[in-house]
Amino acid sequence: EGAGVANTSGTGTWEDVAGRLGSLSDVRAFRKNIVAFS
C-alpha cells in the first residue's frame, strides 16, 4: 500500500480483490487479518 507517499502498483489492490463482489463483510474480515501495510 503506497499510503500516499510511495508510488507502487500494489496500492489499492487488496481492497479491489476483497471488495470485488460488493461484500462489505469480506472487506472487514480481510482487513482484520492484515498485519502489515508495506
Full PDB file with SEQRES, HELIX, SHEET, SSBOND, CRYST1, ORIGX, SCALE, CONECT and MASTER records, all heavy atoms in Angstrom:
SEQRES   1 A   38  GLU GLY ALA GLY VAL ALA ASN THR SER GLY THR GLY THR          
SEQRES   2 A   38  TRP GLU ASP VAL ALA GLY ARG LEU GLY SER LEU SER ASP          
SEQRES   3 A   38  VAL ARG ALA PHE ARG LYS ASN ILE VAL ALA PHE SER              
HELIX    1 AA1 THR A   13  ALA A   18  1                                   6    
HELIX    2 AA2 LEU A   24  LYS A   32  1                                   9    
CRYST1    1.000    1.000    1.000  90.00  90.00  90.00 P 1           1          
ORIGX1      1.000000  0.000000  0.000000        0.00000                         
ORIGX2      0.000000  1.000000  0.000000        0.00000                         
ORIGX3      0.000000  0.000000  1.000000        0.00000                         
SCALE1      1.000000  0.000000  0.000000        0.00000                         
SCALE2      0.000000  1.000000  0.000000        0.00000                         
SCALE3      0.000000  0.000000  1.000000        0.00000                         
ATOM      1  N   GLU A   1       0.846  -1.201   0.000  1.00  0.00           N  
ATOM      2  CA  GLU A   1       0.000   0.000   0.000  1.00  0.00           C  
ATOM      3  C   GLU A   1       0.879   1.247   0.000  1.00  0.00           C  
ATOM      4  O   GLU A   1       1.700   1.428   0.897  1.00  0.00           O  
ATOM      5  CB  GLU A   1      -0.906  -0.009   1.230  1.00  0.00           C  
ATOM      6  CG  GLU A   1      -1.847   1.153   1.326  1.00  0.00           C  
ATOM      7  CD  GLU A   1      -2.804   1.221   0.140  1.00  0.00           C  
ATOM      8  OE1 GLU A   1      -3.562   0.261  -0.068  1.00  0.00           O  
ATOM      9  OE2 GLU A   1      -2.768   2.236  -0.571  1.00  0.00           O  
ATOM     10  N   GLY A   2       0.717   2.091  -1.001  1.00  0.00           N  
ATOM     11  CA  GLY A   2       1.548   3.290  -1.104  1.00  0.00           C  
ATOM     12  C   GLY A   2       1.301   4.310  -0.016  1.00  0.00           C  
ATOM     13  O   GLY A   2       2.171   5.125   0.277  1.00  0.00           O  
ATOM     14  N   ALA A   3       0.126   4.300   0.563  1.00  0.00           N  
ATOM     15  CA  ALA A   3      -0.211   5.182   1.686  1.00  0.00           C  
ATOM     16  C   ALA A   3       0.001   6.663   1.378  1.00  0.00           C  
ATOM     17  O   ALA A   3       0.275   7.454   2.269  1.00  0.00           O  
ATOM     18  CB  ALA A   3       0.597   4.784   2.924  1.00  0.00           C  
ATOM     19  N   GLY A   4      -0.096   7.027   0.116  1.00  0.00           N  
ATOM     20  CA  GLY A   4       0.048   8.429  -0.251  1.00  0.00           C  
ATOM     21  C   GLY A   4       1.470   8.936  -0.334  1.00  0.00           C  
ATOM     22  O   GLY A   4       1.697  10.079  -0.708  1.00  0.00           O  
ATOM     23  N   VAL A   5       2.455   8.085  -0.008  1.00  0.00           N  
ATOM     24  CA  VAL A   5       3.847   8.534  -0.052  1.00  0.00           C  
ATOM     25  C   VAL A   5       4.713   7.684  -0.967  1.00  0.00           C  
ATOM     26  O   VAL A   5       5.810   8.094  -1.338  1.00  0.00           O  
ATOM     27  CB  VAL A   5       4.479   8.549   1.361  1.00  0.00           C  
ATOM     28  CG1 VAL A   5       3.792   9.563   2.248  1.00  0.00           C  
ATOM     29  CG2 VAL A   5       4.450   7.168   1.998  1.00  0.00           C  
ATOM     30  N   ALA A   6       4.260   6.491  -1.332  1.00  0.00           N  
ATOM     31  CA  ALA A   6       5.049   5.597  -2.167  1.00  0.00           C  
ATOM     32  C   ALA A   6       4.299   5.292  -3.454  1.00  0.00           C  
ATOM     33  O   ALA A   6       3.102   5.007  -3.434  1.00  0.00           O  
ATOM     34  CB  ALA A   6       5.352   4.293  -1.422  1.00  0.00           C  
ATOM     35  N   ASN A   7       5.008   5.353  -4.566  1.00  0.00           N  
ATOM     36  CA  ASN A   7       4.425   5.039  -5.862  1.00  0.00           C  
ATOM     37  C   ASN A   7       4.613   3.548  -6.119  1.00  0.00           C  
ATOM     38  O   ASN A   7       5.694   3.107  -6.505  1.00  0.00           O  
ATOM     39  CB  ASN A   7       5.103   5.867  -6.963  1.00  0.00           C  
ATOM     40  CG  ASN A   7       4.418   5.712  -8.302  1.00  0.00           C  
ATOM     41  OD1 ASN A   7       3.489   4.931  -8.452  1.00  0.00           O  
ATOM     42  ND2 ASN A   7       4.893   6.449  -9.289  1.00  0.00           N  
ATOM     43  N   THR A   8       3.572   2.768  -5.889  1.00  0.00           N  
ATOM     44  CA  THR A   8       3.675   1.322  -6.021  1.00  0.00           C  
ATOM     45  C   THR A   8       2.433   0.751  -6.682  1.00  0.00           C  
ATOM     46  O   THR A   8       1.311   1.225  -6.451  1.00  0.00           O  
ATOM     47  CB  THR A   8       3.866   0.648  -4.642  1.00  0.00           C  
ATOM     48  OG1 THR A   8       3.771  -0.773  -4.768  1.00  0.00           O  
ATOM     49  CG2 THR A   8       2.833   1.117  -3.635  1.00  0.00           C  
ATOM     50  N   SER A   9       2.622  -0.270  -7.490  1.00  0.00           N  
ATOM     51  CA  SER A   9       1.496  -0.896  -8.195  1.00  0.00           C  
ATOM     52  C   SER A   9       0.508  -1.547  -7.237  1.00  0.00           C  
ATOM     53  O   SER A   9      -0.647  -1.774  -7.587  1.00  0.00           O  
ATOM     54  CB  SER A   9       2.015  -1.961  -9.168  1.00  0.00           C  
ATOM     55  OG  SER A   9       2.737  -2.965  -8.476  1.00  0.00           O  
ATOM     56  N   GLY A  10       0.969  -1.846  -6.027  1.00  0.00           N  
ATOM     57  CA  GLY A  10       0.101  -2.550  -5.087  1.00  0.00           C  
ATOM     58  C   GLY A  10      -0.973  -1.698  -4.448  1.00  0.00           C  
ATOM     59  O   GLY A  10      -1.906  -2.240  -3.824  1.00  0.00           O  
ATOM     60  N   THR A  11      -0.869  -0.385  -4.582  1.00  0.00           N  
ATOM     61  CA  THR A  11      -1.848   0.493  -3.934  1.00  0.00           C  
ATOM     62  C   THR A  11      -3.277   0.125  -4.331  1.00  0.00           C  
ATOM     63  O   THR A  11      -3.622   0.112  -5.506  1.00  0.00           O  
ATOM     64  CB  THR A  11      -1.583   1.964  -4.296  1.00  0.00           C  
ATOM     65  OG1 THR A  11      -0.304   2.346  -3.779  1.00  0.00           O  
ATOM     66  CG2 THR A  11      -2.645   2.869  -3.723  1.00  0.00           C  
ATOM     67  N   GLY A  12      -4.084  -0.184  -3.326  1.00  0.00           N  
ATOM     68  CA  GLY A  12      -5.496  -0.465  -3.556  1.00  0.00           C  
ATOM     69  C   GLY A  12      -5.831  -1.858  -4.039  1.00  0.00           C  
ATOM     70  O   GLY A  12      -7.014  -2.213  -4.105  1.00  0.00           O  
ATOM     71  N   THR A  13      -4.825  -2.675  -4.365  1.00  0.00           N  
ATOM     72  CA  THR A  13      -5.164  -3.985  -4.938  1.00  0.00           C  
ATOM     73  C   THR A  13      -5.882  -4.886  -3.941  1.00  0.00           C  
ATOM     74  O   THR A  13      -6.789  -5.623  -4.308  1.00  0.00           O  
ATOM     75  CB  THR A  13      -3.913  -4.698  -5.482  1.00  0.00           C  
ATOM     76  OG1 THR A  13      -2.918  -4.770  -4.465  1.00  0.00           O  
ATOM     77  CG2 THR A  13      -3.349  -3.975  -6.686  1.00  0.00           C  
ATOM     78  N   TRP A  14      -5.459  -4.836  -2.674  1.00  0.00           N  
ATOM     79  CA  TRP A  14      -6.106  -5.723  -1.702  1.00  0.00           C  
ATOM     80  C   TRP A  14      -7.575  -5.361  -1.557  1.00  0.00           C  
ATOM     81  O   TRP A  14      -8.438  -6.242  -1.461  1.00  0.00           O  
ATOM     82  CB  TRP A  14      -5.373  -5.669  -0.348  1.00  0.00           C  
ATOM     83  CG  TRP A  14      -5.569  -4.408   0.444  1.00  0.00           C  
ATOM     84  CD1 TRP A  14      -4.781  -3.302   0.429  1.00  0.00           C  
ATOM     85  CD2 TRP A  14      -6.632  -4.120   1.361  1.00  0.00           C  
ATOM     86  NE1 TRP A  14      -5.278  -2.333   1.277  1.00  0.00           N  
ATOM     87  CE2 TRP A  14      -6.419  -2.814   1.869  1.00  0.00           C  
ATOM     88  CE3 TRP A  14      -7.754  -4.837   1.816  1.00  0.00           C  
ATOM     89  CZ2 TRP A  14      -7.259  -2.216   2.800  1.00  0.00           C  
ATOM     90  CZ3 TRP A  14      -8.592  -4.239   2.742  1.00  0.00           C  
ATOM     91  CH2 TRP A  14      -8.353  -2.951   3.227  1.00  0.00           C  
ATOM     92  N   GLU A  15      -7.876  -4.064  -1.538  1.00  0.00           N  
ATOM     93  CA  GLU A  15      -9.264  -3.639  -1.414  1.00  0.00           C  
ATOM     94  C   GLU A  15     -10.060  -4.009  -2.666  1.00  0.00           C  
ATOM     95  O   GLU A  15     -11.228  -4.409  -2.580  1.00  0.00           O  
ATOM     96  CB  GLU A  15      -9.330  -2.128  -1.196  1.00  0.00           C  
ATOM     97  CG  GLU A  15     -10.750  -1.591  -1.021  1.00  0.00           C  
ATOM     98  CD  GLU A  15     -10.795  -0.087  -0.880  1.00  0.00           C  
ATOM     99  OE1 GLU A  15      -9.743   0.574  -1.039  1.00  0.00           O  
ATOM    100  OE2 GLU A  15     -11.888   0.447  -0.604  1.00  0.00           O  
ATOM    101  N   ASP A  16      -9.425  -3.874  -3.835  1.00  0.00           N  
ATOM    102  CA  ASP A  16     -10.091  -4.266  -5.077  1.00  0.00           C  
ATOM    103  C   ASP A  16     -10.469  -5.739  -5.063  1.00  0.00           C  
ATOM    104  O   ASP A  16     -11.567  -6.121  -5.468  1.00  0.00           O  
ATOM    105  CB  ASP A  16      -9.175  -3.992  -6.278  1.00  0.00           C  
ATOM    106  CG  ASP A  16      -8.986  -2.505  -6.553  1.00  0.00           C  
ATOM    107  OD1 ASP A  16      -9.772  -1.698  -6.021  1.00  0.00           O  
ATOM    108  OD2 ASP A  16      -8.047  -2.167  -7.284  1.00  0.00           O  
ATOM    109  N   VAL A  17      -9.531  -6.575  -4.606  1.00  0.00           N  
ATOM    110  CA  VAL A  17      -9.790  -8.014  -4.554  1.00  0.00           C  
ATOM    111  C   VAL A  17     -10.848  -8.336  -3.499  1.00  0.00           C  
ATOM    112  O   VAL A  17     -11.812  -9.062  -3.760  1.00  0.00           O  
ATOM    113  CB  VAL A  17      -8.489  -8.791  -4.266  1.00  0.00           C  
ATOM    114  CG1 VAL A  17      -8.784 -10.264  -4.016  1.00  0.00           C  
ATOM    115  CG2 VAL A  17      -7.515  -8.638  -5.432  1.00  0.00           C  
ATOM    116  N   ALA A  18     -10.655  -7.790  -2.299  1.00  0.00           N  
ATOM    117  CA  ALA A  18     -11.578  -8.101  -1.203  1.00  0.00           C  
ATOM    118  C   ALA A  18     -12.983  -7.587  -1.476  1.00  0.00           C  
ATOM    119  O   ALA A  18     -13.981  -8.225  -1.104  1.00  0.00           O  
ATOM    120  CB  ALA A  18     -11.048  -7.513   0.105  1.00  0.00           C  
ATOM    121  N   GLY A  19     -13.096  -6.436  -2.123  1.00  0.00           N  
ATOM    122  CA  GLY A  19     -14.405  -5.842  -2.365  1.00  0.00           C  
ATOM    123  C   GLY A  19     -14.992  -6.149  -3.725  1.00  0.00           C  
ATOM    124  O   GLY A  19     -16.047  -5.608  -4.080  1.00  0.00           O  
ATOM    125  N   ARG A  20     -14.350  -7.024  -4.459  1.00  0.00           N  
ATOM    126  CA  ARG A  20     -14.734  -7.280  -5.847  1.00  0.00           C  
ATOM    127  C   ARG A  20     -16.184  -7.717  -6.006  1.00  0.00           C  
ATOM    128  O   ARG A  20     -16.855  -7.382  -6.984  1.00  0.00           O  
ATOM    129  CB  ARG A  20     -13.815  -8.355  -6.428  1.00  0.00           C  
ATOM    130  CG  ARG A  20     -13.983  -8.648  -7.907  1.00  0.00           C  
ATOM    131  CD  ARG A  20     -13.476  -7.494  -8.730  1.00  0.00           C  
ATOM    132  NE  ARG A  20     -13.384  -7.868 -10.133  1.00  0.00           N  
ATOM    133  CZ  ARG A  20     -13.227  -7.006 -11.121  1.00  0.00           C  
ATOM    134  NH1 ARG A  20     -13.146  -5.715 -10.862  1.00  0.00           N  
ATOM    135  NH2 ARG A  20     -13.147  -7.408 -12.359  1.00  0.00           N  
ATOM    136  N   LEU A  21     -16.694  -8.454  -5.034  1.00  0.00           N  
ATOM    137  CA  LEU A  21     -18.058  -8.975  -5.133  1.00  0.00           C  
ATOM    138  C   LEU A  21     -19.082  -8.071  -4.462  1.00  0.00           C  
ATOM    139  O   LEU A  21     -20.256  -8.433  -4.342  1.00  0.00           O  
ATOM    140  CB  LEU A  21     -18.128 -10.384  -4.532  1.00  0.00           C  
ATOM    141  CG  LEU A  21     -17.150 -11.407  -5.115  1.00  0.00           C  
ATOM    142  CD1 LEU A  21     -17.406 -12.793  -4.527  1.00  0.00           C  
ATOM    143  CD2 LEU A  21     -17.235 -11.455  -6.637  1.00  0.00           C  
ATOM    144  N   GLY A  22     -18.645  -6.918  -3.996  1.00  0.00           N  
ATOM    145  CA  GLY A  22     -19.568  -5.984  -3.357  1.00  0.00           C  
ATOM    146  C   GLY A  22     -19.971  -6.375  -1.959  1.00  0.00           C  
ATOM    147  O   GLY A  22     -21.024  -5.944  -1.468  1.00  0.00           O  
ATOM    148  N   SER A  23     -19.120  -7.157  -1.298  1.00  0.00           N  
ATOM    149  CA  SER A  23     -19.435  -7.618   0.055  1.00  0.00           C  
ATOM    150  C   SER A  23     -18.610  -6.852   1.089  1.00  0.00           C  
ATOM    151  O   SER A  23     -17.387  -7.011   1.172  1.00  0.00           O  
ATOM    152  CB  SER A  23     -19.136  -9.120   0.189  1.00  0.00           C  
ATOM    153  OG  SER A  23     -19.215  -9.533   1.534  1.00  0.00           O  
ATOM    154  N   LEU A  24     -19.264  -6.022   1.882  1.00  0.00           N  
ATOM    155  CA  LEU A  24     -18.585  -5.286   2.930  1.00  0.00           C  
ATOM    156  C   LEU A  24     -17.997  -6.232   3.969  1.00  0.00           C  
ATOM    157  O   LEU A  24     -16.910  -5.987   4.502  1.00  0.00           O  
ATOM    158  CB  LEU A  24     -19.550  -4.306   3.596  1.00  0.00           C  
ATOM    159  CG  LEU A  24     -18.981  -3.440   4.720  1.00  0.00           C  
ATOM    160  CD1 LEU A  24     -17.831  -2.579   4.214  1.00  0.00           C  
ATOM    161  CD2 LEU A  24     -20.081  -2.580   5.345  1.00  0.00           C  
ATOM    162  N   SER A  25     -18.684  -7.308   4.254  1.00  0.00           N  
ATOM    163  CA  SER A  25     -18.195  -8.250   5.262  1.00  0.00           C  
ATOM    164  C   SER A  25     -16.878  -8.888   4.819  1.00  0.00           C  
ATOM    165  O   SER A  25     -16.012  -9.180   5.657  1.00  0.00           O  
ATOM    166  CB  SER A  25     -19.244  -9.335   5.546  1.00  0.00           C  
ATOM    167  OG  SER A  25     -19.519 -10.096   4.389  1.00  0.00           O  
ATOM    168  N   ASP A  26     -16.695  -9.102   3.519  1.00  0.00           N  
ATOM    169  CA  ASP A  26     -15.421  -9.631   3.025  1.00  0.00           C  
ATOM    170  C   ASP A  26     -14.293  -8.647   3.293  1.00  0.00           C  
ATOM    171  O   ASP A  26     -13.209  -9.036   3.730  1.00  0.00           O  
ATOM    172  CB  ASP A  26     -15.502  -9.904   1.515  1.00  0.00           C  
ATOM    173  CG  ASP A  26     -16.277 -11.161   1.170  1.00  0.00           C  
ATOM    174  OD1 ASP A  26     -16.670 -11.889   2.094  1.00  0.00           O  
ATOM    175  OD2 ASP A  26     -16.488 -11.392  -0.037  1.00  0.00           O  
ATOM    176  N   VAL A  27     -14.534  -7.379   3.031  1.00  0.00           N  
ATOM    177  CA  VAL A  27     -13.512  -6.356   3.248  1.00  0.00           C  
ATOM    178  C   VAL A  27     -13.174  -6.264   4.724  1.00  0.00           C  
ATOM    179  O   VAL A  27     -12.003  -6.195   5.116  1.00  0.00           O  
ATOM    180  CB  VAL A  27     -13.980  -4.986   2.719  1.00  0.00           C  
ATOM    181  CG1 VAL A  27     -12.937  -3.910   3.018  1.00  0.00           C  
ATOM    182  CG2 VAL A  27     -14.252  -5.056   1.225  1.00  0.00           C  
ATOM    183  N   ARG A  28     -14.193  -6.288   5.569  1.00  0.00           N  
ATOM    184  CA  ARG A  28     -13.954  -6.203   7.014  1.00  0.00           C  
ATOM    185  C   ARG A  28     -13.146  -7.390   7.529  1.00  0.00           C  
ATOM    186  O   ARG A  28     -12.182  -7.226   8.292  1.00  0.00           O  
ATOM    187  CB  ARG A  28     -15.289  -6.132   7.752  1.00  0.00           C  
ATOM    188  CG  ARG A  28     -15.976  -4.779   7.666  1.00  0.00           C  
ATOM    189  CD  ARG A  28     -17.298  -4.803   8.417  1.00  0.00           C  
ATOM    190  NE  ARG A  28     -17.866  -3.467   8.554  1.00  0.00           N  
ATOM    191  CZ  ARG A  28     -19.034  -3.212   9.122  1.00  0.00           C  
ATOM    192  NH1 ARG A  28     -19.764  -4.223   9.613  1.00  0.00           N  
ATOM    193  NH2 ARG A  28     -19.481  -1.963   9.221  1.00  0.00           N  
ATOM    194  N   ALA A  29     -13.535  -8.596   7.107  1.00  0.00           N  
ATOM    195  CA  ALA A  29     -12.843  -9.801   7.578  1.00  0.00           C  
ATOM    196  C   ALA A  29     -11.404  -9.832   7.080  1.00  0.00           C  
ATOM    197  O   ALA A  29     -10.482 -10.208   7.818  1.00  0.00           O  
ATOM    198  CB  ALA A  29     -13.600 -11.046   7.104  1.00  0.00           C  
ATOM    199  N   PHE A  30     -11.211  -9.429   5.842  1.00  0.00           N  
ATOM    200  CA  PHE A  30      -9.866  -9.415   5.272  1.00  0.00           C  
ATOM    201  C   PHE A  30      -8.997  -8.388   5.997  1.00  0.00           C  
ATOM    202  O   PHE A  30      -7.869  -8.680   6.402  1.00  0.00           O  
ATOM    203  CB  PHE A  30      -9.944  -9.086   3.781  1.00  0.00           C  
ATOM    204  CG  PHE A  30      -8.626  -9.183   3.063  1.00  0.00           C  
ATOM    205  CD1 PHE A  30      -8.255 -10.350   2.418  1.00  0.00           C  
ATOM    206  CD2 PHE A  30      -7.744  -8.100   3.024  1.00  0.00           C  
ATOM    207  CE1 PHE A  30      -7.034 -10.447   1.756  1.00  0.00           C  
ATOM    208  CE2 PHE A  30      -6.535  -8.180   2.374  1.00  0.00           C  
ATOM    209  CZ  PHE A  30      -6.179  -9.359   1.735  1.00  0.00           C  
ATOM    210  N   ARG A  31      -9.540  -7.187   6.168  1.00  0.00           N  
ATOM    211  CA  ARG A  31      -8.754  -6.128   6.796  1.00  0.00           C  
ATOM    212  C   ARG A  31      -8.352  -6.485   8.227  1.00  0.00           C  
ATOM    213  O   ARG A  31      -7.251  -6.139   8.682  1.00  0.00           O  
ATOM    214  CB  ARG A  31      -9.542  -4.810   6.794  1.00  0.00           C  
ATOM    215  CG  ARG A  31      -8.666  -3.588   7.030  1.00  0.00           C  
ATOM    216  CD  ARG A  31      -9.463  -2.301   7.063  1.00  0.00           C  
ATOM    217  NE  ARG A  31      -8.617  -1.146   6.820  1.00  0.00           N  
ATOM    218  CZ  ARG A  31      -7.706  -0.674   7.676  1.00  0.00           C  
ATOM    219  NH1 ARG A  31      -7.549  -1.252   8.855  1.00  0.00           N  
ATOM    220  NH2 ARG A  31      -6.971   0.381   7.359  1.00  0.00           N  
ATOM    221  N   LYS A  32      -9.215  -7.181   8.908  1.00  0.00           N  
ATOM    222  CA  LYS A  32      -8.930  -7.589  10.283  1.00  0.00           C  
ATOM    223  C   LYS A  32      -7.679  -8.465  10.355  1.00  0.00           C  
ATOM    224  O   LYS A  32      -6.978  -8.489  11.371  1.00  0.00           O  
ATOM    225  CB  LYS A  32     -10.137  -8.345  10.849  1.00  0.00           C  
ATOM    226  CG  LYS A  32      -9.998  -8.765  12.301  1.00  0.00           C  
ATOM    227  CD  LYS A  32     -11.255  -9.494  12.768  1.00  0.00           C  
ATOM    228  CE  LYS A  32     -11.117  -9.982  14.205  1.00  0.00           C  
ATOM    229  NZ  LYS A  32     -12.335 -10.717  14.651  1.00  0.00           N  
ATOM    230  N   ASN A  33      -7.381  -9.180   9.265  1.00  0.00           N  
ATOM    231  CA  ASN A  33      -6.248 -10.111   9.243  1.00  0.00           C  
ATOM    232  C   ASN A  33      -4.958  -9.499   8.709  1.00  0.00           C  
ATOM    233  O   ASN A  33      -3.926 -10.173   8.671  1.00  0.00           O  
ATOM    234  CB  ASN A  33      -6.601 -11.352   8.410  1.00  0.00           C  
ATOM    235  CG  ASN A  33      -7.566 -12.273   9.123  1.00  0.00           C  
ATOM    236  OD1 ASN A  33      -7.726 -12.204  10.346  1.00  0.00           O  
ATOM    237  ND2 ASN A  33      -8.227 -13.143   8.378  1.00  0.00           N  
ATOM    238  N   ILE A  34      -4.996  -8.238   8.282  1.00  0.00           N  
ATOM    239  CA  ILE A  34      -3.786  -7.605   7.761  1.00  0.00           C  
ATOM    240  C   ILE A  34      -2.828  -7.273   8.905  1.00  0.00           C  
ATOM    241  O   ILE A  34      -3.205  -6.619   9.883  1.00  0.00           O  
ATOM    242  CB  ILE A  34      -4.132  -6.322   6.971  1.00  0.00           C  
ATOM    243  CG1 ILE A  34      -4.963  -6.664   5.733  1.00  0.00           C  
ATOM    244  CG2 ILE A  34      -2.850  -5.602   6.551  1.00  0.00           C  
ATOM    245  CD1 ILE A  34      -5.468  -5.454   4.978  1.00  0.00           C  
ATOM    246  N   VAL A  35      -1.583  -7.723   8.778  1.00  0.00           N  
ATOM    247  CA  VAL A  35      -0.578  -7.468   9.811  1.00  0.00           C  
ATOM    248  C   VAL A  35       0.456  -6.431   9.364  1.00  0.00           C  
ATOM    249  O   VAL A  35       1.249  -5.952  10.182  1.00  0.00           O  
ATOM    250  CB  VAL A  35       0.147  -8.764  10.225  1.00  0.00           C  
ATOM    251  CG1 VAL A  35      -0.837  -9.724  10.884  1.00  0.00           C  
ATOM    252  CG2 VAL A  35       0.836  -9.431   9.034  1.00  0.00           C  
ATOM    253  N   ALA A  36       0.470  -6.082   8.065  1.00  0.00           N  
ATOM    254  CA  ALA A  36       1.408  -5.067   7.583  1.00  0.00           C  
ATOM    255  C   ALA A  36       0.887  -4.424   6.311  1.00  0.00           C  
ATOM    256  O   ALA A  36       0.440  -5.119   5.394  1.00  0.00           O  
ATOM    257  CB  ALA A  36       2.784  -5.685   7.324  1.00  0.00           C  
ATOM    258  N   PHE A  37       0.921  -3.094   6.286  1.00  0.00           N  
ATOM    259  CA  PHE A  37       0.666  -2.310   5.084  1.00  0.00           C  
ATOM    260  C   PHE A  37       2.035  -1.785   4.647  1.00  0.00           C  
ATOM    261  O   PHE A  37       2.535  -0.819   5.230  1.00  0.00           O  
ATOM    262  CB  PHE A  37      -0.271  -1.135   5.379  1.00  0.00           C  
ATOM    263  CG  PHE A  37      -1.659  -1.537   5.793  1.00  0.00           C  
ATOM    264  CD1 PHE A  37      -1.943  -1.853   7.128  1.00  0.00           C  
ATOM    265  CD2 PHE A  37      -2.690  -1.600   4.867  1.00  0.00           C  
ATOM    266  CE1 PHE A  37      -3.224  -2.201   7.518  1.00  0.00           C  
ATOM    267  CE2 PHE A  37      -3.985  -1.949   5.250  1.00  0.00           C  
ATOM    268  CZ  PHE A  37      -4.250  -2.256   6.579  1.00  0.00           C  
ATOM    269  N   SER A  38       2.627  -2.406   3.662  1.00  0.00           N  
ATOM    270  CA  SER A  38       4.010  -2.079   3.305  1.00  0.00           C  
ATOM    271  C   SER A  38       4.086  -1.203   2.062  1.00  0.00           C  
ATOM    272  O   SER A  38       3.389  -1.456   1.077  1.00  0.00           O  
ATOM    273  CB  SER A  38       4.796  -3.374   3.067  1.00  0.00           C  
ATOM    274  OG  SER A  38       4.787  -4.181   4.232  1.00  0.00           O  
TER     275      SER A  38                                                      
MASTER        0    0    0    2    0    0    0    6  274    1    0    3          
END                                                                             
